[in-house]
Structure formats: C-alpha cells, structure tokens
Amino acid sequence: MDIYTALAIPILISTLWLFTANLSRSSHPDFTNKRICLLIAHPDDEAMFFSPTLLALTNPETGNHVKILCLSNGNADGLGLAREKELIASAMILGLRSPADVLVLDSPDFVDGMDTKWDAEKVAEPLRQAFGGHMSKTKDVGGDAPTATIDVLVTFDRYGVSSHPNHIALFHGANSWLSGLMRGKEGWRCPVELHTLTSVFILRKYVSFLDAPMTMLFGFFGGIKASRRQEKAEGRTQALFVSDMGQWRQGQKAMTRAHKSQMRWFRWGWITFGRYMVVNDLKRQIIA
C-alpha cells in the first residue's frame, strides 16, 4: 500500500460517514414538536442502544420534549442508587431537558436479570399510570377518542437487540398498553405511535457506521415490499438515525463519563465498534 492509498482510506471513510449521517436526517421529518418517551429496561440502555435516536430527537430545532422511563434501576450488583444517578447524568449528556424527565422504577416486578421474565401486563401498568389510558375488558360505549400525554413511544423490538428477556418484555408491554388504549375505539386513530429499534444479526452489530448503507438498502426494498402488500401504516414506517462523528463521541461520553460503574473491558469494544452507537433504525408498529 502506497502513501496516497493510506491517506485516501480515512478520507473516504470520513466522507462516507458524513454523507450517510446527513442523508439520514431527511428520513425522519415526522419527529418534530412531539412528546416522546423512550422506554428502557436498565440504566445504560439509553446510551448503548439508543444514543443516535436520543441525540436526533432532543435537538432543540425539532421542538420535541423527550422523556425516559426506565423500569429497573439495574440493582443486580447492588448498585441501584448509583446507576439511577448515572442514568440521569447520561440523559443530560444525550440532550434531555431536565433530570425531571427521567423516571426510574425500583419494583420487585422488574428484577434485573437475564433469567428473569417480566409480565407484559405489569410492564403496561406504569405506562398507563404515567401517560394515561385505562384497562377495560369491555367496549367503551361512550365512543370518546383515546387520549394519552405522549405522542411517540420508542422501545426495543420483539427480539430485544441482545435477546435480553427484559428488553423483549418492553415490546410486549408497550403493545399491551396501546392495545388496551384502543380497546372499543374502532374508527379512531391510536394517539401514540410505537416505534421499535430493529434487531440485527451479530456480525452487523460490530461494523459501526458501515452498517448504515446496508440499513438504507434494506429499508428501501422493505418499503417497496410493504407498499405492494398494502401493509404500510399511515405515515412513515421506518426512521433512520445515523450519528455523525461528534454525536458518536457524545454517545461514548454518556457511557464513559456517566455510566462509570458499567465500563468493563468488553464495553469498550461495544462503544467503539457497535453499530447501535452510530446507527438506529426504528420501525413503526401497527397497533391492532
């Protein structure tokens, strides 16, 4: 390899990264002036998996108001109180307006652990309490429009990115809450859009920003397929957030400066090469 090739490679990589980051910003025009909640299972989920989404949605130019609801304080190692504080510090780095916009639960219903399955109905309950809706087994004869105090809910998909059962439970709990909200409301539009983070196979998890073009390609053909089958929900079905270099470093700071108790050796690999530190693609779910 000659010196010119050696110099050209990082320039090409930087250019591709900047191009995909700028291009992705045109893929989410619907996320403006919204009340948004990010639903996570543990402190550090917001940084390790959702930092591109948070950095995009908390940009003051969007006019969004973003909150985080975390269902456990990650007390598996007895560090629950410390991790609550770390989550708040991380949220501030990632652009949330105030510590008051971060709610962390400490409940026996939501014990942190790979061998612990959370009940979907119990996951739905704090969503009802925080953002509205009631559980009813019968149709609402009054026929009033369903209401909630948020417009968008973001969480993991049915595979939980890492197959963590706590992550997976959030998907089912979110669907349970919104399905209950819409029970007996035929003909009305759900007041909350549910967007879930797409899980990818393991090799794609460690190619950083290089996964963005592949994600764009899959999204393009997936959109064509959905249109042909008429399965497309009202509005955009997929949003892509790609952090630029500065935002990538901001996401890393949320881990290294805020979540210090979690910075074990293997997490350095994740925050350096992990695609979820740079690329998030969200899919809008249809609420039955």
C-alpha atoms as a PDB file:
ATOM      1  CA  MET A   1       0.000   0.000   0.000  1.00  0.00           C
ATOM      2  CA  ASP A   2       1.493   3.352  -1.032  1.00  0.00           C
ATOM      3  CA  ILE A   3       1.250   6.531   1.000  1.00  0.00           C
ATOM      4  CA  TYR A   4      -1.520   8.011  -1.172  1.00  0.00           C
ATOM      5  CA  THR A   5      -3.736   4.985  -0.669  1.00  0.00           C
ATOM      6  CA  ALA A   6      -3.056   5.066   3.058  1.00  0.00           C
ATOM      7  CA  LEU A   7      -4.097   8.722   3.176  1.00  0.00           C
ATOM      8  CA  ALA A   8      -7.134   8.201   0.943  1.00  0.00           C
ATOM      9  CA  ILE A   9      -8.742   5.445   3.026  1.00  0.00           C
ATOM     10  CA  PRO A  10      -9.502   7.520   6.155  1.00  0.00           C
ATOM     11  CA  ILE A  11     -10.681  10.404   3.965  1.00  0.00           C
ATOM     12  CA  LEU A  12     -13.083   8.125   2.097  1.00  0.00           C
ATOM     13  CA  ILE A  13     -14.334   6.586   5.346  1.00  0.00           C
ATOM     14  CA  SER A  14     -14.917  10.015   6.900  1.00  0.00           C
ATOM     15  CA  THR A  15     -16.707  11.227   3.777  1.00  0.00           C
ATOM     16  CA  LEU A  16     -18.975   8.173   3.668  1.00  0.00           C
ATOM     17  CA  TRP A  17     -19.775   8.560   7.362  1.00  0.00           C
ATOM     18  CA  LEU A  18     -20.631  12.256   6.989  1.00  0.00           C
ATOM     19  CA  PHE A  19     -22.700  11.572   3.867  1.00  0.00           C
ATOM     20  CA  THR A  20     -24.819   8.845   5.479  1.00  0.00           C
ATOM     21  CA  ALA A  21     -25.299  10.908   8.652  1.00  0.00           C
ATOM     22  CA  ASN A  22     -26.546  13.899   6.639  1.00  0.00           C
ATOM     23  CA  LEU A  23     -28.693  11.734   4.372  1.00  0.00           C
ATOM     24  CA  SER A  24     -30.373  10.045   7.335  1.00  0.00           C
ATOM     25  CA  ARG A  25     -31.573  13.395   8.681  1.00  0.00           C
ATOM     26  CA  SER A  26     -34.053  13.616   5.818  1.00  0.00           C
ATOM     27  CA  SER A  27     -35.616  10.273   6.803  1.00  0.00           C
ATOM     28  CA  HIS A  28     -37.400  11.451   9.945  1.00  0.00           C
ATOM     29  CA  PRO A  29     -39.318  14.670   9.239  1.00  0.00           C
ATOM     30  CA  ASP A  30     -42.331  13.421  11.242  1.00  0.00           C
ATOM     31  CA  PHE A  31     -40.470  13.633  14.564  1.00  0.00           C
ATOM     32  CA  THR A  32     -40.993  17.338  15.267  1.00  0.00           C
ATOM     33  CA  ASN A  33     -42.876  19.066  18.085  1.00  0.00           C
ATOM     34  CA  LYS A  34     -43.642  15.698  19.657  1.00  0.00           C
ATOM     35  CA  ARG A  35     -43.937  14.456  23.228  1.00  0.00           C
ATOM     36  CA  ILE A  36     -41.712  11.379  23.173  1.00  0.00           C
ATOM     37  CA  CYS A  37     -40.929   8.668  25.717  1.00  0.00           C
ATOM     38  CA  LEU A  38     -38.034   6.241  25.473  1.00  0.00           C
ATOM     39  CA  LEU A  39     -38.926   3.056  27.360  1.00  0.00           C
ATOM     40  CA  ILE A  40     -35.873   1.107  28.547  1.00  0.00           C
ATOM     41  CA  ALA A  41     -35.190  -1.763  30.929  1.00  0.00           C
ATOM     42  CA  HIS A  42     -31.903  -0.762  32.563  1.00  0.00           C
ATOM     43  CA  PRO A  43     -29.726   2.285  33.133  1.00  0.00           C
ATOM     44  CA  ASP A  44     -27.219   2.402  30.214  1.00  0.00           C
ATOM     45  CA  ASP A  45     -29.723   1.043  27.640  1.00  0.00           C
ATOM     46  CA  GLU A  46     -30.303   4.635  26.548  1.00  0.00           C
ATOM     47  CA  ALA A  47     -26.609   5.116  25.774  1.00  0.00           C
ATOM     48  CA  MET A  48     -25.571   1.690  24.459  1.00  0.00           C
ATOM     49  CA  PHE A  49     -28.590   1.197  22.192  1.00  0.00           C
ATOM     50  CA  PHE A  50     -30.481   4.452  21.663  1.00  0.00           C
ATOM     51  CA  SER A  51     -27.934   7.294  21.677  1.00  0.00           C
ATOM     52  CA  PRO A  52     -28.350   8.110  17.925  1.00  0.00           C
ATOM     53  CA  THR A  53     -32.120   8.318  18.422  1.00  0.00           C
ATOM     54  CA  LEU A  54     -31.878  10.488  21.526  1.00  0.00           C
ATOM     55  CA  LEU A  55     -29.291  12.837  20.036  1.00  0.00           C
ATOM     56  CA  ALA A  56     -31.501  13.354  16.984  1.00  0.00           C
ATOM     57  CA  LEU A  57     -34.812  13.737  18.804  1.00  0.00           C
ATOM     58  CA  THR A  58     -33.511  16.030  21.555  1.00  0.00           C
ATOM     59  CA  ASN A  59     -32.058  18.514  19.058  1.00  0.00           C
ATOM     60  CA  PRO A  60     -33.693  21.832  20.066  1.00  0.00           C
ATOM     61  CA  GLU A  61     -34.545  22.539  16.425  1.00  0.00           C
ATOM     62  CA  THR A  62     -37.020  19.631  16.447  1.00  0.00           C
ATOM     63  CA  GLY A  63     -39.143  21.129  19.230  1.00  0.00           C
ATOM     64  CA  ASN A  64     -39.546  17.706  20.818  1.00  0.00           C
ATOM     65  CA  HIS A  65     -39.886  17.036  24.544  1.00  0.00           C
ATOM     66  CA  VAL A  66     -38.228  13.702  25.316  1.00  0.00           C
ATOM     67  CA  LYS A  67     -38.594  11.662  28.500  1.00  0.00           C
ATOM     68  CA  ILE A  68     -37.060   8.364  29.617  1.00  0.00           C
ATOM     69  CA  LEU A  69     -38.940   5.697  31.580  1.00  0.00           C
ATOM     70  CA  CYS A  70     -36.615   3.003  32.947  1.00  0.00           C
ATOM     71  CA  LEU A  71     -38.357   0.047  34.577  1.00  0.00           C
ATOM     72  CA  SER A  72     -35.451  -1.083  36.773  1.00  0.00           C
ATOM     73  CA  ASN A  73     -32.502   0.600  38.433  1.00  0.00           C
ATOM     74  CA  GLY A  74     -30.142  -2.230  37.470  1.00  0.00           C
ATOM     75  CA  ASN A  75     -29.617  -3.348  41.036  1.00  0.00           C
ATOM     76  CA  ALA A  76     -28.294  -6.824  40.157  1.00  0.00           C
ATOM     77  CA  ASP A  77     -24.902  -5.951  41.671  1.00  0.00           C
ATOM     78  CA  GLY A  78     -26.251  -3.781  44.477  1.00  0.00           C
ATOM     79  CA  LEU A  79     -25.535  -0.550  42.577  1.00  0.00           C
ATOM     80  CA  GLY A  80     -29.127   0.541  42.029  1.00  0.00           C
ATOM     81  CA  LEU A  81     -28.934   4.020  43.549  1.00  0.00           C
ATOM     82  CA  ALA A  82     -25.625   4.781  41.850  1.00  0.00           C
ATOM     83  CA  ARG A  83     -26.963   3.613  38.498  1.00  0.00           C
ATOM     84  CA  GLU A  84     -30.050   5.804  38.825  1.00  0.00           C
ATOM     85  CA  LYS A  85     -27.758   8.824  39.155  1.00  0.00           C
ATOM     86  CA  GLU A  86     -25.667   7.592  36.238  1.00  0.00           C
ATOM     87  CA  LEU A  87     -28.764   7.356  34.048  1.00  0.00           C
ATOM     88  CA  ILE A  88     -29.737  10.941  34.828  1.00  0.00           C
ATOM     89  CA  ALA A  89     -26.199  12.148  34.056  1.00  0.00           C
ATOM     90  CA  SER A  90     -26.213  10.208  30.790  1.00  0.00           C
ATOM     91  CA  ALA A  91     -29.607  11.621  29.816  1.00  0.00           C
ATOM     92  CA  MET A  92     -28.297  15.152  30.262  1.00  0.00           C
ATOM     93  CA  ILE A  93     -25.317  14.383  28.022  1.00  0.00           C
ATOM     94  CA  LEU A  94     -27.702  12.966  25.406  1.00  0.00           C
ATOM     95  CA  GLY A  95     -29.795  16.121  25.342  1.00  0.00           C
ATOM     96  CA  LEU A  96     -32.774  15.720  27.667  1.00  0.00           C
ATOM     97  CA  ARG A  97     -34.053  18.992  29.083  1.00  0.00           C
ATOM     98  CA  SER A  98     -34.142  18.186  32.785  1.00  0.00           C
ATOM     99  CA  PRO A  99     -33.440  15.428  35.336  1.00  0.00           C
ATOM    100  CA  ALA A 100     -37.183  15.519  35.994  1.00  0.00           C
ATOM    101  CA  ASP A 101     -37.656  13.982  32.529  1.00  0.00           C
ATOM    102  CA  VAL A 102     -36.055  10.734  33.728  1.00  0.00           C
ATOM    103  CA  LEU A 103     -38.175   8.278  35.729  1.00  0.00           C
ATOM    104  CA  VAL A 104     -36.541   5.159  37.185  1.00  0.00           C
ATOM    105  CA  LEU A 105     -38.576   2.443  38.893  1.00  0.00           C
ATOM    106  CA  ASP A 106     -37.394   0.132  41.661  1.00  0.00           C
ATOM    107  CA  SER A 107     -40.024  -2.593  41.798  1.00  0.00           C
ATOM    108  CA  PRO A 108     -39.977  -6.310  42.647  1.00  0.00           C
ATOM    109  CA  ASP A 109     -41.967  -6.799  39.435  1.00  0.00           C
ATOM    110  CA  PHE A 110     -38.938  -5.715  37.395  1.00  0.00           C
ATOM    111  CA  VAL A 111     -35.878  -7.516  38.693  1.00  0.00           C
ATOM    112  CA  ASP A 112     -32.808  -7.018  36.503  1.00  0.00           C
ATOM    113  CA  GLY A 113     -31.560 -10.322  35.114  1.00  0.00           C
ATOM    114  CA  MET A 114     -31.065 -12.450  32.011  1.00  0.00           C
ATOM    115  CA  ASP A 115     -33.066 -15.235  33.660  1.00  0.00           C
ATOM    116  CA  THR A 116     -35.976 -13.004  34.704  1.00  0.00           C
ATOM    117  CA  LYS A 117     -39.056 -12.617  32.505  1.00  0.00           C
ATOM    118  CA  TRP A 118     -41.255  -9.584  33.087  1.00  0.00           C
ATOM    119  CA  ASP A 119     -45.013  -9.862  32.691  1.00  0.00           C
ATOM    120  CA  ALA A 120     -46.326  -7.755  29.783  1.00  0.00           C
ATOM    121  CA  GLU A 121     -49.343  -6.519  31.735  1.00  0.00           C
ATOM    122  CA  LYS A 122     -47.130  -5.372  34.583  1.00  0.00           C
ATOM    123  CA  VAL A 123     -44.931  -3.535  32.068  1.00  0.00           C
ATOM    124  CA  ALA A 124     -48.037  -1.844  30.667  1.00  0.00           C
ATOM    125  CA  GLU A 125     -49.194  -0.598  34.063  1.00  0.00           C
ATOM    126  CA  PRO A 126     -46.527   2.114  34.649  1.00  0.00           C
ATOM    127  CA  LEU A 127     -47.158   3.318  31.091  1.00  0.00           C
ATOM    128  CA  ARG A 128     -50.849   3.713  31.933  1.00  0.00           C
ATOM    129  CA  GLN A 129     -50.035   5.495  35.160  1.00  0.00           C
ATOM    130  CA  ALA A 130     -47.524   7.839  33.567  1.00  0.00           C
ATOM    131  CA  PHE A 131     -49.190   8.601  30.240  1.00  0.00           C
ATOM    132  CA  GLY A 132     -52.879   7.731  30.514  1.00  0.00           C
ATOM    133  CA  GLY A 133     -55.332   5.097  29.436  1.00  0.00           C
ATOM    134  CA  HIS A 134     -57.242   2.571  31.476  1.00  0.00           C
ATOM    135  CA  MET A 135     -57.587  -1.175  31.369  1.00  0.00           C
ATOM    136  CA  SER A 136     -61.024  -2.246  30.252  1.00  0.00           C
ATOM    137  CA  LYS A 137     -62.309  -5.682  29.262  1.00  0.00           C
ATOM    138  CA  THR A 138     -65.400  -4.258  27.573  1.00  0.00           C
ATOM    139  CA  LYS A 139     -66.014  -1.815  24.760  1.00  0.00           C
ATOM    140  CA  ASP A 140     -66.292   1.866  25.587  1.00  0.00           C
ATOM    141  CA  VAL A 141     -69.897   2.640  24.700  1.00  0.00           C
ATOM    142  CA  GLY A 142     -69.192   6.349  25.058  1.00  0.00           C
ATOM    143  CA  GLY A 143     -67.030   6.255  21.964  1.00  0.00           C
ATOM    144  CA  ASP A 144     -64.727   9.073  23.052  1.00  0.00           C
ATOM    145  CA  ALA A 145     -61.386   9.411  21.288  1.00  0.00           C
ATOM    146  CA  PRO A 146     -58.479   7.680  23.031  1.00  0.00           C
ATOM    147  CA  THR A 147     -56.015  10.087  24.628  1.00  0.00           C
ATOM    148  CA  ALA A 148     -52.514   9.985  26.074  1.00  0.00           C
ATOM    149  CA  THR A 149     -49.976  12.511  27.297  1.00  0.00           C
ATOM    150  CA  ILE A 150     -47.282  11.408  24.834  1.00  0.00           C
ATOM    151  CA  ASP A 151     -47.296  11.229  21.041  1.00  0.00           C
ATOM    152  CA  VAL A 152     -44.484   8.725  20.435  1.00  0.00           C
ATOM    153  CA  LEU A 153     -43.186   5.715  22.371  1.00  0.00           C
ATOM    154  CA  VAL A 154     -39.780   4.267  21.447  1.00  0.00           C
ATOM    155  CA  THR A 155     -38.504   0.930  22.749  1.00  0.00           C
ATOM    156  CA  PHE A 156     -36.925  -2.402  21.750  1.00  0.00           C
ATOM    157  CA  ASP A 157     -38.456  -4.740  19.173  1.00  0.00           C
ATOM    158  CA  ARG A 158     -39.669  -8.287  19.842  1.00  0.00           C
ATOM    159  CA  TYR A 159     -36.063  -9.602  19.741  1.00  0.00           C
ATOM    160  CA  GLY A 160     -34.659  -7.070  22.193  1.00  0.00           C
ATOM    161  CA  VAL A 161     -31.436  -6.440  20.154  1.00  0.00           C
ATOM    162  CA  SER A 162     -29.462  -8.682  22.505  1.00  0.00           C
ATOM    163  CA  SER A 163     -32.257 -11.226  23.162  1.00  0.00           C
ATOM    164  CA  HIS A 164     -32.387  -9.950  26.745  1.00  0.00           C
ATOM    165  CA  PRO A 165     -35.758 -11.042  28.193  1.00  0.00           C
ATOM    166  CA  ASN A 166     -36.175  -7.697  29.979  1.00  0.00           C
ATOM    167  CA  HIS A 167     -35.810  -5.852  26.652  1.00  0.00           C
ATOM    168  CA  ILE A 168     -38.264  -8.201  24.937  1.00  0.00           C
ATOM    169  CA  ALA A 169     -40.825  -7.670  27.706  1.00  0.00           C
ATOM    170  CA  LEU A 170     -40.871  -3.940  26.940  1.00  0.00           C
ATOM    171  CA  PHE A 171     -42.050  -4.611  23.392  1.00  0.00           C
ATOM    172  CA  HIS A 172     -44.924  -6.789  24.591  1.00  0.00           C
ATOM    173  CA  GLY A 173     -45.782  -4.418  27.436  1.00  0.00           C
ATOM    174  CA  ALA A 174     -45.885  -1.408  25.112  1.00  0.00           C
ATOM    175  CA  ASN A 175     -48.184  -3.266  22.734  1.00  0.00           C
ATOM    176  CA  SER A 176     -50.382  -4.317  25.643  1.00  0.00           C
ATOM    177  CA  TRP A 177     -50.724  -0.719  26.842  1.00  0.00           C
ATOM    178  CA  LEU A 178     -51.606   0.641  23.423  1.00  0.00           C
ATOM    179  CA  SER A 179     -53.954  -2.231  22.592  1.00  0.00           C
ATOM    180  CA  GLY A 180     -55.787  -1.531  25.852  1.00  0.00           C
ATOM    181  CA  LEU A 181     -55.881   2.153  24.999  1.00  0.00           C
ATOM    182  CA  MET A 182     -57.578   1.330  21.699  1.00  0.00           C
ATOM    183  CA  ARG A 183     -59.993  -1.302  23.005  1.00  0.00           C
ATOM    184  CA  GLY A 184     -63.514  -0.314  21.972  1.00  0.00           C
ATOM    185  CA  LYS A 185     -62.158   2.632  19.941  1.00  0.00           C
ATOM    186  CA  GLU A 186     -62.704   1.282  16.448  1.00  0.00           C
ATOM    187  CA  GLY A 187     -62.532   4.030  13.872  1.00  0.00           C
ATOM    188  CA  TRP A 188     -60.202   6.187  15.968  1.00  0.00           C
ATOM    189  CA  ARG A 189     -56.505   6.582  15.341  1.00  0.00           C
ATOM    190  CA  CYS A 190     -54.156   5.500  18.136  1.00  0.00           C
ATOM    191  CA  PRO A 191     -52.887   8.704  19.795  1.00  0.00           C
ATOM    192  CA  VAL A 192     -49.437   7.185  20.364  1.00  0.00           C
ATOM    193  CA  GLU A 193     -47.081   5.966  17.656  1.00  0.00           C
ATOM    194  CA  LEU A 194     -44.986   2.968  18.712  1.00  0.00           C
ATOM    195  CA  HIS A 195     -41.525   2.805  17.122  1.00  0.00           C
ATOM    196  CA  THR A 196     -39.186  -0.097  17.872  1.00  0.00           C
ATOM    197  CA  LEU A 197     -35.431  -0.477  17.448  1.00  0.00           C
ATOM    198  CA  THR A 198     -34.598  -3.075  14.808  1.00  0.00           C
ATOM    199  CA  SER A 199     -32.515  -6.062  15.920  1.00  0.00           C
ATOM    200  CA  VAL A 200     -29.778  -7.234  13.543  1.00  0.00           C
ATOM    201  CA  PHE A 201     -27.618 -10.352  13.411  1.00  0.00           C
ATOM    202  CA  ILE A 202     -24.349 -10.377  15.325  1.00  0.00           C
ATOM    203  CA  LEU A 203     -21.930  -9.522  12.505  1.00  0.00           C
ATOM    204  CA  ARG A 204     -23.830  -6.329  11.709  1.00  0.00           C
ATOM    205  CA  LYS A 205     -23.683  -5.303  15.361  1.00  0.00           C
ATOM    206  CA  TYR A 206     -19.943  -4.620  15.156  1.00  0.00           C
ATOM    207  CA  VAL A 207     -19.438  -2.718  11.898  1.00  0.00           C
ATOM    208  CA  SER A 208     -20.231   0.720  13.311  1.00  0.00           C
ATOM    209  CA  PHE A 209     -21.365   3.318  10.742  1.00  0.00           C
ATOM    210  CA  LEU A 210     -20.628   0.920   7.859  1.00  0.00           C
ATOM    211  CA  ASP A 211     -23.990  -0.697   8.601  1.00  0.00           C
ATOM    212  CA  ALA A 212     -25.839   2.495   7.600  1.00  0.00           C
ATOM    213  CA  PRO A 213     -25.773   1.905   3.808  1.00  0.00           C
ATOM    214  CA  MET A 214     -26.975  -1.674   4.334  1.00  0.00           C
ATOM    215  CA  THR A 215     -29.774  -0.447   6.590  1.00  0.00           C
ATOM    216  CA  MET A 216     -30.797   2.139   3.989  1.00  0.00           C
ATOM    217  CA  LEU A 217     -30.874  -0.551   1.309  1.00  0.00           C
ATOM    218  CA  PHE A 218     -32.979  -2.922   3.413  1.00  0.00           C
ATOM    219  CA  GLY A 219     -35.304  -0.054   4.314  1.00  0.00           C
ATOM    220  CA  PHE A 220     -35.759   0.905   0.663  1.00  0.00           C
ATOM    221  CA  PHE A 221     -36.669  -2.587  -0.514  1.00  0.00           C
ATOM    222  CA  GLY A 222     -38.707  -3.216   2.621  1.00  0.00           C
ATOM    223  CA  GLY A 223     -40.741  -0.089   1.875  1.00  0.00           C
ATOM    224  CA  ILE A 224     -41.427  -1.268  -1.665  1.00  0.00           C
ATOM    225  CA  LYS A 225     -42.494  -4.680  -0.394  1.00  0.00           C
ATOM    226  CA  ALA A 226     -44.793  -3.177   2.228  1.00  0.00           C
ATOM    227  CA  SER A 227     -46.382  -0.848  -0.323  1.00  0.00           C
ATOM    228  CA  ARG A 228     -47.064  -3.712  -2.713  1.00  0.00           C
ATOM    229  CA  ARG A 229     -48.740  -5.687   0.054  1.00  0.00           C
ATOM    230  CA  GLN A 230     -50.561  -2.573   1.294  1.00  0.00           C
ATOM    231  CA  GLU A 231     -49.223  -3.208   4.800  1.00  0.00           C
ATOM    232  CA  LYS A 232     -47.812   0.274   5.219  1.00  0.00           C
ATOM    233  CA  ALA A 233     -49.167   2.116   8.251  1.00  0.00           C
ATOM    234  CA  GLU A 234     -50.278   5.712   7.972  1.00  0.00           C
ATOM    235  CA  GLY A 235     -47.175   7.854   7.846  1.00  0.00           C
ATOM    236  CA  ARG A 236     -43.569   6.715   7.702  1.00  0.00           C
ATOM    237  CA  THR A 237     -42.922   3.064   8.617  1.00  0.00           C
ATOM    238  CA  GLN A 238     -39.180   3.365   9.225  1.00  0.00           C
ATOM    239  CA  ALA A 239     -36.887   6.084  10.515  1.00  0.00           C
ATOM    240  CA  LEU A 240     -33.098   6.014  10.323  1.00  0.00           C
ATOM    241  CA  PHE A 241     -30.813   7.910  12.686  1.00  0.00           C
ATOM    242  CA  VAL A 242     -27.079   7.970  11.921  1.00  0.00           C
ATOM    243  CA  SER A 243     -24.807   9.891  14.293  1.00  0.00           C
ATOM    244  CA  ASP A 244     -22.000  11.957  12.848  1.00  0.00           C
ATOM    245  CA  MET A 245     -18.558  11.784  14.458  1.00  0.00           C
ATOM    246  CA  GLY A 246     -19.366  14.428  17.042  1.00  0.00           C
ATOM    247  CA  GLN A 247     -22.591  12.710  18.048  1.00  0.00           C
ATOM    248  CA  TRP A 248     -20.821   9.348  18.181  1.00  0.00           C
ATOM    249  CA  ARG A 249     -18.325  10.830  20.628  1.00  0.00           C
ATOM    250  CA  GLN A 250     -21.239  12.296  22.620  1.00  0.00           C
ATOM    251  CA  GLY A 251     -22.776   8.843  22.894  1.00  0.00           C
ATOM    252  CA  GLN A 252     -19.449   7.435  24.046  1.00  0.00           C
ATOM    253  CA  LYS A 253     -19.205  10.156  26.708  1.00  0.00           C
ATOM    254  CA  ALA A 254     -22.606   9.129  28.019  1.00  0.00           C
ATOM    255  CA  MET A 255     -21.042   5.763  28.808  1.00  0.00           C
ATOM    256  CA  THR A 256     -17.516   6.726  29.876  1.00  0.00           C
ATOM    257  CA  ARG A 257     -18.421   9.822  31.924  1.00  0.00           C
ATOM    258  CA  ALA A 258     -21.854   8.896  33.253  1.00  0.00           C
ATOM    259  CA  HIS A 259     -22.038   5.093  33.419  1.00  0.00           C
ATOM    260  CA  LYS A 260     -18.636   4.612  35.006  1.00  0.00           C
ATOM    261  CA  SER A 261     -19.769   1.628  37.087  1.00  0.00           C
ATOM    262  CA  GLN A 262     -20.574  -0.270  33.864  1.00  0.00           C
ATOM    263  CA  MET A 263     -17.384   0.382  31.917  1.00  0.00           C
ATOM    264  CA  ARG A 264     -15.934  -3.110  31.940  1.00  0.00           C
ATOM    265  CA  TRP A 265     -13.392  -4.137  29.305  1.00  0.00           C
ATOM    266  CA  PHE A 266     -15.894  -5.611  26.824  1.00  0.00           C
ATOM    267  CA  ARG A 267     -17.991  -2.444  26.751  1.00  0.00           C
ATOM    268  CA  TRP A 268     -15.056  -0.533  25.281  1.00  0.00           C
ATOM    269  CA  GLY A 269     -15.408  -2.747  22.228  1.00  0.00           C
ATOM    270  CA  TRP A 270     -19.130  -2.039  22.074  1.00  0.00           C
ATOM    271  CA  ILE A 271     -18.867   1.756  22.274  1.00  0.00           C
ATOM    272  CA  THR A 272     -16.024   1.735  19.723  1.00  0.00           C
ATOM    273  CA  PHE A 273     -17.334  -0.690  17.091  1.00  0.00           C
ATOM    274  CA  GLY A 274     -21.012  -1.198  17.968  1.00  0.00           C
ATOM    275  CA  ARG A 275     -23.426  -0.161  15.205  1.00  0.00           C
ATOM    276  CA  TYR A 276     -26.052   0.899  17.775  1.00  0.00           C
ATOM    277  CA  MET A 277     -23.689   3.645  18.944  1.00  0.00           C
ATOM    278  CA  VAL A 278     -23.927   5.107  15.428  1.00  0.00           C
ATOM    279  CA  VAL A 279     -26.945   3.634  13.627  1.00  0.00           C
ATOM    280  CA  ASN A 280     -30.537   3.284  14.844  1.00  0.00           C
ATOM    281  CA  ASP A 281     -33.378   2.257  12.571  1.00  0.00           C
ATOM    282  CA  LEU A 282     -36.839   2.396  14.067  1.00  0.00           C
ATOM    283  CA  LYS A 283     -39.865   0.608  12.667  1.00  0.00           C
ATOM    284  CA  ARG A 284     -43.372   1.861  13.326  1.00  0.00           C
ATOM    285  CA  GLN A 285     -45.638  -0.836  14.713  1.00  0.00           C
ATOM    286  CA  ILE A 286     -49.277  -1.247  13.777  1.00  0.00           C
ATOM    287  CA  ILE A 287     -51.470  -1.355  16.886  1.00  0.00           C
ATOM    288  CA  ALA A 288     -54.297  -3.843  16.466  1.00  0.00           C
END
